[in-house]
Amino acid sequence: MTIFIVFDVESLGLHGEGWQVGYVVVGEDGQEFEHGSFECQPGEAAGFGNQGQIAEDRAWVAEHCRPHVHLFDCKNPAEVRAKFWARWLHWKEQGARLAADVCWPVETGFLTACIQDHGDPWAGPYPLIDIASVRLAVGLDPLATVERLPNELPAHNALADARQSARLLLEALVLGRPRRWCDTPCRFAAPLGQGRACHRYRLEPATSPDLIGQIQAWISTLDGIVATPSLILNDCPGFEPVGPL
């Protein structure tokens, strides 16, 4: 099973230092293994640009981010990076893949700073998975505003944002699986005519209930594309496995 460490960074402007990072470690079946966040006072982060731009960035953070911060557990951005980097290296050894949503420039800048801090140019992710690109590849709008689940609130909190990013990644991976429409003629397809398949959407039994609900909602928008827009699992009596999905 593929494991992902999905992370999000709150920074001082697009190109300033990251002062908060949140991450969640999930399997491709939706199982969560770990989550965490590290943060320092935003005032400790260096900005980028002229003084007017930096002042504007600090005002934005004060309005949108700081009310959601509950624990300043790091002295400065370097400590934020060090604590995250330790978790990344741990999960990298387990074979985890690093992912972020629209990861340039904030998350990529954060990772570059981590490399500069710790000196090993080969310690970073290979590849860094951009969730927006994964969603684009399966026909989803990579820049769409997606409604948040309760544990993905509030916005602009790095851990909450990472949780939403992880869900969006898993959703896209399910949609991108090959042979995703069941094409086996069976009793469910009888009303459609002899030899017809019901074309129900096939998911593995390990798929989490929350993710099934998300996919069901997506399928309900496909009017006219599939004959029967509903879900089955691999235990469908009309489905004979041909190999791994």
C-alpha atoms as a PDB file:
ATOM      1  CA  MET A   1       0.000   0.000   0.000  1.00  0.00           C
ATOM      2  CA  THR A   2       1.265   3.441  -0.902  1.00  0.00           C
ATOM      3  CA  ILE A   3       1.627   5.866   2.014  1.00  0.00           C
ATOM      4  CA  PHE A   4       1.496   9.619   1.563  1.00  0.00           C
ATOM      5  CA  ILE A   5       2.627  12.389   3.858  1.00  0.00           C
ATOM      6  CA  VAL A   6       0.499  15.337   2.780  1.00  0.00           C
ATOM      7  CA  PHE A   7       1.601  18.708   4.121  1.00  0.00           C
ATOM      8  CA  ASP A   8       0.634  22.353   4.040  1.00  0.00           C
ATOM      9  CA  VAL A   9       2.618  25.460   4.981  1.00  0.00           C
ATOM     10  CA  GLU A  10       1.474  28.884   6.125  1.00  0.00           C
ATOM     11  CA  SER A  11       4.075  31.479   5.198  1.00  0.00           C
ATOM     12  CA  LEU A  12       4.609  35.209   5.313  1.00  0.00           C
ATOM     13  CA  GLY A  13       3.425  35.975   1.790  1.00  0.00           C
ATOM     14  CA  LEU A  14       4.028  33.701  -1.168  1.00  0.00           C
ATOM     15  CA  HIS A  15       7.815  33.835  -0.934  1.00  0.00           C
ATOM     16  CA  GLY A  16       8.466  34.608   2.726  1.00  0.00           C
ATOM     17  CA  GLU A  17       9.408  32.107   5.407  1.00  0.00           C
ATOM     18  CA  GLY A  18       6.999  29.420   6.512  1.00  0.00           C
ATOM     19  CA  TRP A  19       5.990  29.808  10.155  1.00  0.00           C
ATOM     20  CA  GLN A  20       3.467  26.960  10.425  1.00  0.00           C
ATOM     21  CA  VAL A  21       3.432  23.497   8.855  1.00  0.00           C
ATOM     22  CA  GLY A  22       0.799  20.787   9.206  1.00  0.00           C
ATOM     23  CA  TYR A  23       0.885  17.248   7.879  1.00  0.00           C
ATOM     24  CA  VAL A  24      -1.137  14.061   7.794  1.00  0.00           C
ATOM     25  CA  VAL A  25       0.180  10.601   6.942  1.00  0.00           C
ATOM     26  CA  VAL A  26      -2.387   8.479   5.119  1.00  0.00           C
ATOM     27  CA  GLY A  27      -2.549   5.264   3.167  1.00  0.00           C
ATOM     28  CA  GLU A  28      -4.156   5.139  -0.251  1.00  0.00           C
ATOM     29  CA  ASP A  29      -7.127   3.399   1.415  1.00  0.00           C
ATOM     30  CA  GLY A  30      -7.735   6.456   3.618  1.00  0.00           C
ATOM     31  CA  GLN A  31      -6.211   5.042   6.820  1.00  0.00           C
ATOM     32  CA  GLU A  32      -4.484   7.748   8.875  1.00  0.00           C
ATOM     33  CA  PHE A  33      -1.196   6.844  10.549  1.00  0.00           C
ATOM     34  CA  GLU A  34      -0.068  10.172  11.995  1.00  0.00           C
ATOM     35  CA  HIS A  35      -0.762  13.872  11.959  1.00  0.00           C
ATOM     36  CA  GLY A  36       0.891  16.912  13.465  1.00  0.00           C
ATOM     37  CA  SER A  37       1.730  20.575  13.161  1.00  0.00           C
ATOM     38  CA  PHE A  38       4.575  22.867  14.206  1.00  0.00           C
ATOM     39  CA  GLU A  39       4.434  26.644  14.430  1.00  0.00           C
ATOM     40  CA  CYS A  40       6.204  29.727  15.676  1.00  0.00           C
ATOM     41  CA  GLN A  41       5.113  33.311  16.059  1.00  0.00           C
ATOM     42  CA  PRO A  42       4.502  34.723  12.542  1.00  0.00           C
ATOM     43  CA  GLY A  43       6.522  37.772  13.556  1.00  0.00           C
ATOM     44  CA  GLU A  44       9.630  35.560  13.597  1.00  0.00           C
ATOM     45  CA  ALA A  45       9.282  34.810   9.881  1.00  0.00           C
ATOM     46  CA  ALA A  46      11.210  36.851   7.334  1.00  0.00           C
ATOM     47  CA  GLY A  47       9.206  38.422   4.538  1.00  0.00           C
ATOM     48  CA  PHE A  48      10.011  38.906   0.888  1.00  0.00           C
ATOM     49  CA  GLY A  49       9.839  42.093  -1.172  1.00  0.00           C
ATOM     50  CA  ASN A  50       9.779  45.724  -0.212  1.00  0.00           C
ATOM     51  CA  GLN A  51       8.652  46.973   3.176  1.00  0.00           C
ATOM     52  CA  GLY A  52       5.182  47.809   1.932  1.00  0.00           C
ATOM     53  CA  GLN A  53       4.672  44.281   0.582  1.00  0.00           C
ATOM     54  CA  ILE A  54       5.976  42.722   3.788  1.00  0.00           C
ATOM     55  CA  ALA A  55       3.675  44.879   5.904  1.00  0.00           C
ATOM     56  CA  GLU A  56       0.736  43.851   3.733  1.00  0.00           C
ATOM     57  CA  ASP A  57       1.653  40.185   4.132  1.00  0.00           C
ATOM     58  CA  ARG A  58       1.907  40.514   7.907  1.00  0.00           C
ATOM     59  CA  ALA A  59      -1.508  42.165   8.032  1.00  0.00           C
ATOM     60  CA  TRP A  60      -3.009  39.325   5.963  1.00  0.00           C
ATOM     61  CA  VAL A  61      -1.566  36.679   8.280  1.00  0.00           C
ATOM     62  CA  ALA A  62      -2.814  38.547  11.342  1.00  0.00           C
ATOM     63  CA  GLU A  63      -6.338  38.653   9.922  1.00  0.00           C
ATOM     64  CA  HIS A  64      -6.630  35.185   8.408  1.00  0.00           C
ATOM     65  CA  CYS A  65      -4.207  32.894  10.212  1.00  0.00           C
ATOM     66  CA  ARG A  66      -3.255  33.930  13.716  1.00  0.00           C
ATOM     67  CA  PRO A  67      -6.746  33.563  15.237  1.00  0.00           C
ATOM     68  CA  HIS A  68      -6.523  29.857  14.374  1.00  0.00           C
ATOM     69  CA  VAL A  69      -3.144  29.210  15.981  1.00  0.00           C
ATOM     70  CA  HIS A  70      -3.384  27.618  19.409  1.00  0.00           C
ATOM     71  CA  LEU A  71       0.187  26.621  20.216  1.00  0.00           C
ATOM     72  CA  PHE A  72       3.479  28.288  19.373  1.00  0.00           C
ATOM     73  CA  ASP A  73       5.721  25.283  20.021  1.00  0.00           C
ATOM     74  CA  CYS A  74       8.774  26.523  18.102  1.00  0.00           C
ATOM     75  CA  LYS A  75      11.045  29.504  18.660  1.00  0.00           C
ATOM     76  CA  ASN A  76      11.525  30.395  15.019  1.00  0.00           C
ATOM     77  CA  PRO A  77      10.970  29.156  11.434  1.00  0.00           C
ATOM     78  CA  ALA A  78      14.198  27.136  11.512  1.00  0.00           C
ATOM     79  CA  GLU A  79      12.826  25.043  14.392  1.00  0.00           C
ATOM     80  CA  VAL A  80       9.532  24.606  12.537  1.00  0.00           C
ATOM     81  CA  ARG A  81      11.465  23.266   9.562  1.00  0.00           C
ATOM     82  CA  ALA A  82      13.674  21.026  11.706  1.00  0.00           C
ATOM     83  CA  LYS A  83      10.730  19.349  13.431  1.00  0.00           C
ATOM     84  CA  PHE A  84       8.886  18.752  10.172  1.00  0.00           C
ATOM     85  CA  TRP A  85      12.028  17.514   8.450  1.00  0.00           C
ATOM     86  CA  ALA A  86      12.541  14.902  11.155  1.00  0.00           C
ATOM     87  CA  ARG A  87       9.030  13.526  10.543  1.00  0.00           C
ATOM     88  CA  TRP A  88       9.543  13.567   6.777  1.00  0.00           C
ATOM     89  CA  LEU A  89      12.822  11.649   7.029  1.00  0.00           C
ATOM     90  CA  HIS A  90      11.168   9.106   9.323  1.00  0.00           C
ATOM     91  CA  TRP A  91       8.311   8.456   6.909  1.00  0.00           C
ATOM     92  CA  LYS A  92      10.586   8.612   3.886  1.00  0.00           C
ATOM     93  CA  GLU A  93      12.391   5.577   5.306  1.00  0.00           C
ATOM     94  CA  GLN A  94       9.015   3.806   5.400  1.00  0.00           C
ATOM     95  CA  GLY A  95       8.575   4.509   1.682  1.00  0.00           C
ATOM     96  CA  ALA A  96       6.116   7.404   2.040  1.00  0.00           C
ATOM     97  CA  ARG A  97       5.633   9.888  -0.775  1.00  0.00           C
ATOM     98  CA  LEU A  98       5.412  13.602  -0.086  1.00  0.00           C
ATOM     99  CA  ALA A  99       2.484  15.562  -1.519  1.00  0.00           C
ATOM    100  CA  ALA A 100       0.987  19.050  -1.327  1.00  0.00           C
ATOM    101  CA  ASP A 101      -1.781  20.919  -3.117  1.00  0.00           C
ATOM    102  CA  VAL A 102      -0.582  23.649  -5.524  1.00  0.00           C
ATOM    103  CA  CYS A 103       2.829  23.255  -3.949  1.00  0.00           C
ATOM    104  CA  TRP A 104       4.611  26.118  -5.726  1.00  0.00           C
ATOM    105  CA  PRO A 105       5.747  28.518  -4.356  1.00  0.00           C
ATOM    106  CA  VAL A 106       4.934  28.110  -0.649  1.00  0.00           C
ATOM    107  CA  GLU A 107       5.581  24.416   0.000  1.00  0.00           C
ATOM    108  CA  THR A 108       8.455  24.182  -2.490  1.00  0.00           C
ATOM    109  CA  GLY A 109      10.093  27.220  -0.903  1.00  0.00           C
ATOM    110  CA  PHE A 110       9.701  25.616   2.519  1.00  0.00           C
ATOM    111  CA  LEU A 111      11.344  22.387   1.298  1.00  0.00           C
ATOM    112  CA  THR A 112      14.223  24.311  -0.266  1.00  0.00           C
ATOM    113  CA  ALA A 113      14.820  26.028   3.078  1.00  0.00           C
ATOM    114  CA  CYS A 114      14.790  22.615   4.790  1.00  0.00           C
ATOM    115  CA  ILE A 115      17.481  21.363   2.425  1.00  0.00           C
ATOM    116  CA  GLN A 116      19.542  24.496   3.003  1.00  0.00           C
ATOM    117  CA  ASP A 117      19.232  23.993   6.771  1.00  0.00           C
ATOM    118  CA  HIS A 118      20.218  20.343   6.815  1.00  0.00           C
ATOM    119  CA  GLY A 119      22.699  20.180   3.979  1.00  0.00           C
ATOM    120  CA  ASP A 120      21.776  16.913   2.230  1.00  0.00           C
ATOM    121  CA  PRO A 121      20.693  17.773  -1.322  1.00  0.00           C
ATOM    122  CA  TRP A 122      19.284  14.274  -1.828  1.00  0.00           C
ATOM    123  CA  ALA A 123      17.065  14.170   1.265  1.00  0.00           C
ATOM    124  CA  GLY A 124      14.054  15.789  -0.359  1.00  0.00           C
ATOM    125  CA  PRO A 125      11.112  14.079  -2.038  1.00  0.00           C
ATOM    126  CA  TYR A 126      11.462  12.378  -5.402  1.00  0.00           C
ATOM    127  CA  PRO A 127       9.000  13.176  -6.752  1.00  0.00           C
ATOM    128  CA  LEU A 128       7.057  15.857  -4.913  1.00  0.00           C
ATOM    129  CA  ILE A 129       3.445  15.074  -5.825  1.00  0.00           C
ATOM    130  CA  ASP A 130       1.339  18.089  -6.752  1.00  0.00           C
ATOM    131  CA  ILE A 131      -2.247  17.212  -5.839  1.00  0.00           C
ATOM    132  CA  ALA A 132      -3.657  19.851  -8.187  1.00  0.00           C
ATOM    133  CA  SER A 133      -1.934  18.135 -11.107  1.00  0.00           C
ATOM    134  CA  VAL A 134      -3.282  14.741 -10.043  1.00  0.00           C
ATOM    135  CA  ARG A 135      -6.798  16.161  -9.962  1.00  0.00           C
ATOM    136  CA  LEU A 136      -6.379  17.795 -13.359  1.00  0.00           C
ATOM    137  CA  ALA A 137      -5.283  14.436 -14.795  1.00  0.00           C
ATOM    138  CA  VAL A 138      -8.582  12.772 -13.806  1.00  0.00           C
ATOM    139  CA  GLY A 139     -10.785  15.567 -15.099  1.00  0.00           C
ATOM    140  CA  LEU A 140     -11.322  17.567 -11.906  1.00  0.00           C
ATOM    141  CA  ASP A 141     -10.861  21.318 -11.634  1.00  0.00           C
ATOM    142  CA  PRO A 142      -7.510  21.732  -9.840  1.00  0.00           C
ATOM    143  CA  LEU A 143      -8.405  25.246  -8.669  1.00  0.00           C
ATOM    144  CA  ALA A 144     -12.003  24.621  -7.618  1.00  0.00           C
ATOM    145  CA  THR A 145     -13.078  25.656  -4.122  1.00  0.00           C
ATOM    146  CA  VAL A 146     -14.106  22.414  -2.429  1.00  0.00           C
ATOM    147  CA  GLU A 147     -16.419  22.335   0.570  1.00  0.00           C
ATOM    148  CA  ARG A 148     -14.596  21.333   3.730  1.00  0.00           C
ATOM    149  CA  LEU A 149     -15.397  18.553   6.159  1.00  0.00           C
ATOM    150  CA  PRO A 150     -15.557  19.448   9.865  1.00  0.00           C
ATOM    151  CA  ASN A 151     -12.020  18.209  10.552  1.00  0.00           C
ATOM    152  CA  GLU A 152     -10.738  20.349   7.662  1.00  0.00           C
ATOM    153  CA  LEU A 153     -11.685  23.612   9.336  1.00  0.00           C
ATOM    154  CA  PRO A 154     -10.673  26.352   9.726  1.00  0.00           C
ATOM    155  CA  ALA A 155      -9.090  27.343   6.433  1.00  0.00           C
ATOM    156  CA  HIS A 156      -5.560  28.759   6.579  1.00  0.00           C
ATOM    157  CA  ASN A 157      -4.703  26.416   9.430  1.00  0.00           C
ATOM    158  CA  ALA A 158      -1.906  24.206   8.141  1.00  0.00           C
ATOM    159  CA  LEU A 159      -3.148  20.945   9.669  1.00  0.00           C
ATOM    160  CA  ALA A 160      -6.752  21.521   8.569  1.00  0.00           C
ATOM    161  CA  ASP A 161      -5.555  22.424   5.080  1.00  0.00           C
ATOM    162  CA  ALA A 162      -3.365  19.303   4.961  1.00  0.00           C
ATOM    163  CA  ARG A 163      -6.342  17.124   5.898  1.00  0.00           C
ATOM    164  CA  GLN A 164      -8.373  18.563   3.049  1.00  0.00           C
ATOM    165  CA  SER A 165      -5.459  18.154   0.644  1.00  0.00           C
ATOM    166  CA  ALA A 166      -5.129  14.495   1.639  1.00  0.00           C
ATOM    167  CA  ARG A 167      -8.818  13.889   0.966  1.00  0.00           C
ATOM    168  CA  LEU A 168      -8.595  15.584  -2.432  1.00  0.00           C
ATOM    169  CA  LEU A 169      -5.604  13.417  -3.329  1.00  0.00           C
ATOM    170  CA  LEU A 170      -7.311  10.171  -2.339  1.00  0.00           C
ATOM    171  CA  GLU A 171     -10.452  11.154  -4.218  1.00  0.00           C
ATOM    172  CA  ALA A 172      -8.446  11.785  -7.378  1.00  0.00           C
ATOM    173  CA  LEU A 173      -6.503   8.540  -7.049  1.00  0.00           C
ATOM    174  CA  VAL A 174      -9.736   6.556  -6.818  1.00  0.00           C
ATOM    175  CA  LEU A 175     -11.140   8.288  -9.884  1.00  0.00           C
ATOM    176  CA  GLY A 176      -7.927   7.612 -11.776  1.00  0.00           C
ATOM    177  CA  ARG A 177      -7.796   3.877 -11.236  1.00  0.00           C
ATOM    178  CA  PRO A 178      -7.770   1.881 -14.474  1.00  0.00           C
ATOM    179  CA  ARG A 179     -10.848  -0.164 -15.432  1.00  0.00           C
ATOM    180  CA  ARG A 180     -12.927   1.837 -13.023  1.00  0.00           C
ATOM    181  CA  TRP A 181     -16.252   0.938 -14.638  1.00  0.00           C
ATOM    182  CA  CYS A 182     -17.509  -2.613 -14.112  1.00  0.00           C
ATOM    183  CA  ASP A 183     -18.033  -4.123 -17.591  1.00  0.00           C
ATOM    184  CA  THR A 184     -19.209  -7.589 -16.564  1.00  0.00           C
ATOM    185  CA  PRO A 185     -22.742  -8.520 -17.704  1.00  0.00           C
ATOM    186  CA  CYS A 186     -24.695  -9.499 -14.613  1.00  0.00           C
ATOM    187  CA  ARG A 187     -28.132  -9.522 -13.037  1.00  0.00           C
ATOM    188  CA  PHE A 188     -27.886  -5.835 -12.176  1.00  0.00           C
ATOM    189  CA  ALA A 189     -27.742  -5.048 -15.895  1.00  0.00           C
ATOM    190  CA  ALA A 190     -30.707  -7.230 -16.928  1.00  0.00           C
ATOM    191  CA  PRO A 191     -33.069  -4.281 -17.532  1.00  0.00           C
ATOM    192  CA  LEU A 192     -30.546  -2.844 -19.994  1.00  0.00           C
ATOM    193  CA  GLY A 193     -30.704  -5.811 -22.371  1.00  0.00           C
ATOM    194  CA  GLN A 194     -28.921  -9.114 -22.877  1.00  0.00           C
ATOM    195  CA  GLY A 195     -25.162  -8.959 -22.653  1.00  0.00           C
ATOM    196  CA  ARG A 196     -25.111  -5.406 -21.298  1.00  0.00           C
ATOM    197  CA  ALA A 197     -23.042  -4.323 -18.304  1.00  0.00           C
ATOM    198  CA  CYS A 198     -24.431  -2.052 -15.617  1.00  0.00           C
ATOM    199  CA  HIS A 199     -21.305   0.124 -15.650  1.00  0.00           C
ATOM    200  CA  ARG A 200     -21.461   0.701 -11.934  1.00  0.00           C
ATOM    201  CA  TYR A 201     -18.483   2.320 -10.347  1.00  0.00           C
ATOM    202  CA  ARG A 202     -16.192  -0.282  -8.765  1.00  0.00           C
ATOM    203  CA  LEU A 203     -14.314   0.442  -5.533  1.00  0.00           C
ATOM    204  CA  GLU A 204     -12.205  -1.778  -3.342  1.00  0.00           C
ATOM    205  CA  PRO A 205     -13.854  -2.956  -0.096  1.00  0.00           C
ATOM    206  CA  ALA A 206     -11.140  -1.193   1.923  1.00  0.00           C
ATOM    207  CA  THR A 207     -12.267   2.192   0.658  1.00  0.00           C
ATOM    208  CA  SER A 208     -13.331   4.329   3.613  1.00  0.00           C
ATOM    209  CA  PRO A 209     -17.047   5.234   4.010  1.00  0.00           C
ATOM    210  CA  ASP A 210     -16.254   8.952   3.826  1.00  0.00           C
ATOM    211  CA  LEU A 211     -14.448   8.507   0.531  1.00  0.00           C
ATOM    212  CA  ILE A 212     -17.250   6.340  -0.851  1.00  0.00           C
ATOM    213  CA  GLY A 213     -19.652   9.165  -0.053  1.00  0.00           C
ATOM    214  CA  GLN A 214     -17.482  11.644  -1.899  1.00  0.00           C
ATOM    215  CA  ILE A 215     -17.260   9.409  -4.968  1.00  0.00           C
ATOM    216  CA  GLN A 216     -20.999   8.733  -4.880  1.00  0.00           C
ATOM    217  CA  ALA A 217     -21.643  12.466  -4.947  1.00  0.00           C
ATOM    218  CA  TRP A 218     -19.300  12.829  -7.907  1.00  0.00           C
ATOM    219  CA  ILE A 219     -20.965   9.989  -9.812  1.00  0.00           C
ATOM    220  CA  SER A 220     -24.370  11.578  -9.303  1.00  0.00           C
ATOM    221  CA  THR A 221     -23.201  14.445 -11.532  1.00  0.00           C
ATOM    222  CA  LEU A 222     -22.497  12.141 -14.473  1.00  0.00           C
ATOM    223  CA  ASP A 223     -26.033  12.021 -15.860  1.00  0.00           C
ATOM    224  CA  GLY A 224     -25.988  10.544 -19.341  1.00  0.00           C
ATOM    225  CA  ILE A 225     -22.425   9.254 -19.112  1.00  0.00           C
ATOM    226  CA  VAL A 226     -23.116   5.943 -17.358  1.00  0.00           C
ATOM    227  CA  ALA A 227     -26.159   3.717 -17.480  1.00  0.00           C
ATOM    228  CA  THR A 228     -26.506   3.236 -13.752  1.00  0.00           C
ATOM    229  CA  PRO A 229     -24.654   5.840 -11.693  1.00  0.00           C
ATOM    230  CA  SER A 230     -24.206   3.903  -8.477  1.00  0.00           C
ATOM    231  CA  LEU A 231     -21.484   2.170  -6.507  1.00  0.00           C
ATOM    232  CA  ILE A 232     -20.502  -1.455  -6.109  1.00  0.00           C
ATOM    233  CA  LEU A 233     -17.625  -3.073  -4.280  1.00  0.00           C
ATOM    234  CA  ASN A 234     -15.490  -5.972  -5.438  1.00  0.00           C
ATOM    235  CA  ASP A 235     -17.899  -8.406  -3.782  1.00  0.00           C
ATOM    236  CA  CYS A 236     -20.540  -7.627  -6.441  1.00  0.00           C
ATOM    237  CA  PRO A 237     -21.898 -11.036  -7.602  1.00  0.00           C
ATOM    238  CA  GLY A 238     -21.450  -9.966 -11.204  1.00  0.00           C
ATOM    239  CA  PHE A 239     -17.835  -8.973 -10.896  1.00  0.00           C
ATOM    240  CA  GLU A 240     -14.963 -11.385 -11.484  1.00  0.00           C
ATOM    241  CA  PRO A 241     -11.566  -9.927 -10.548  1.00  0.00           C
ATOM    242  CA  VAL A 242      -9.059  -9.820 -13.377  1.00  0.00           C
ATOM    243  CA  GLY A 243      -6.177  -8.547 -11.271  1.00  0.00           C
ATOM    244  CA  PRO A 244      -5.330  -5.625  -9.043  1.00  0.00           C
ATOM    245  CA  LEU A 245      -7.052  -2.324  -9.760  1.00  0.00           C
END
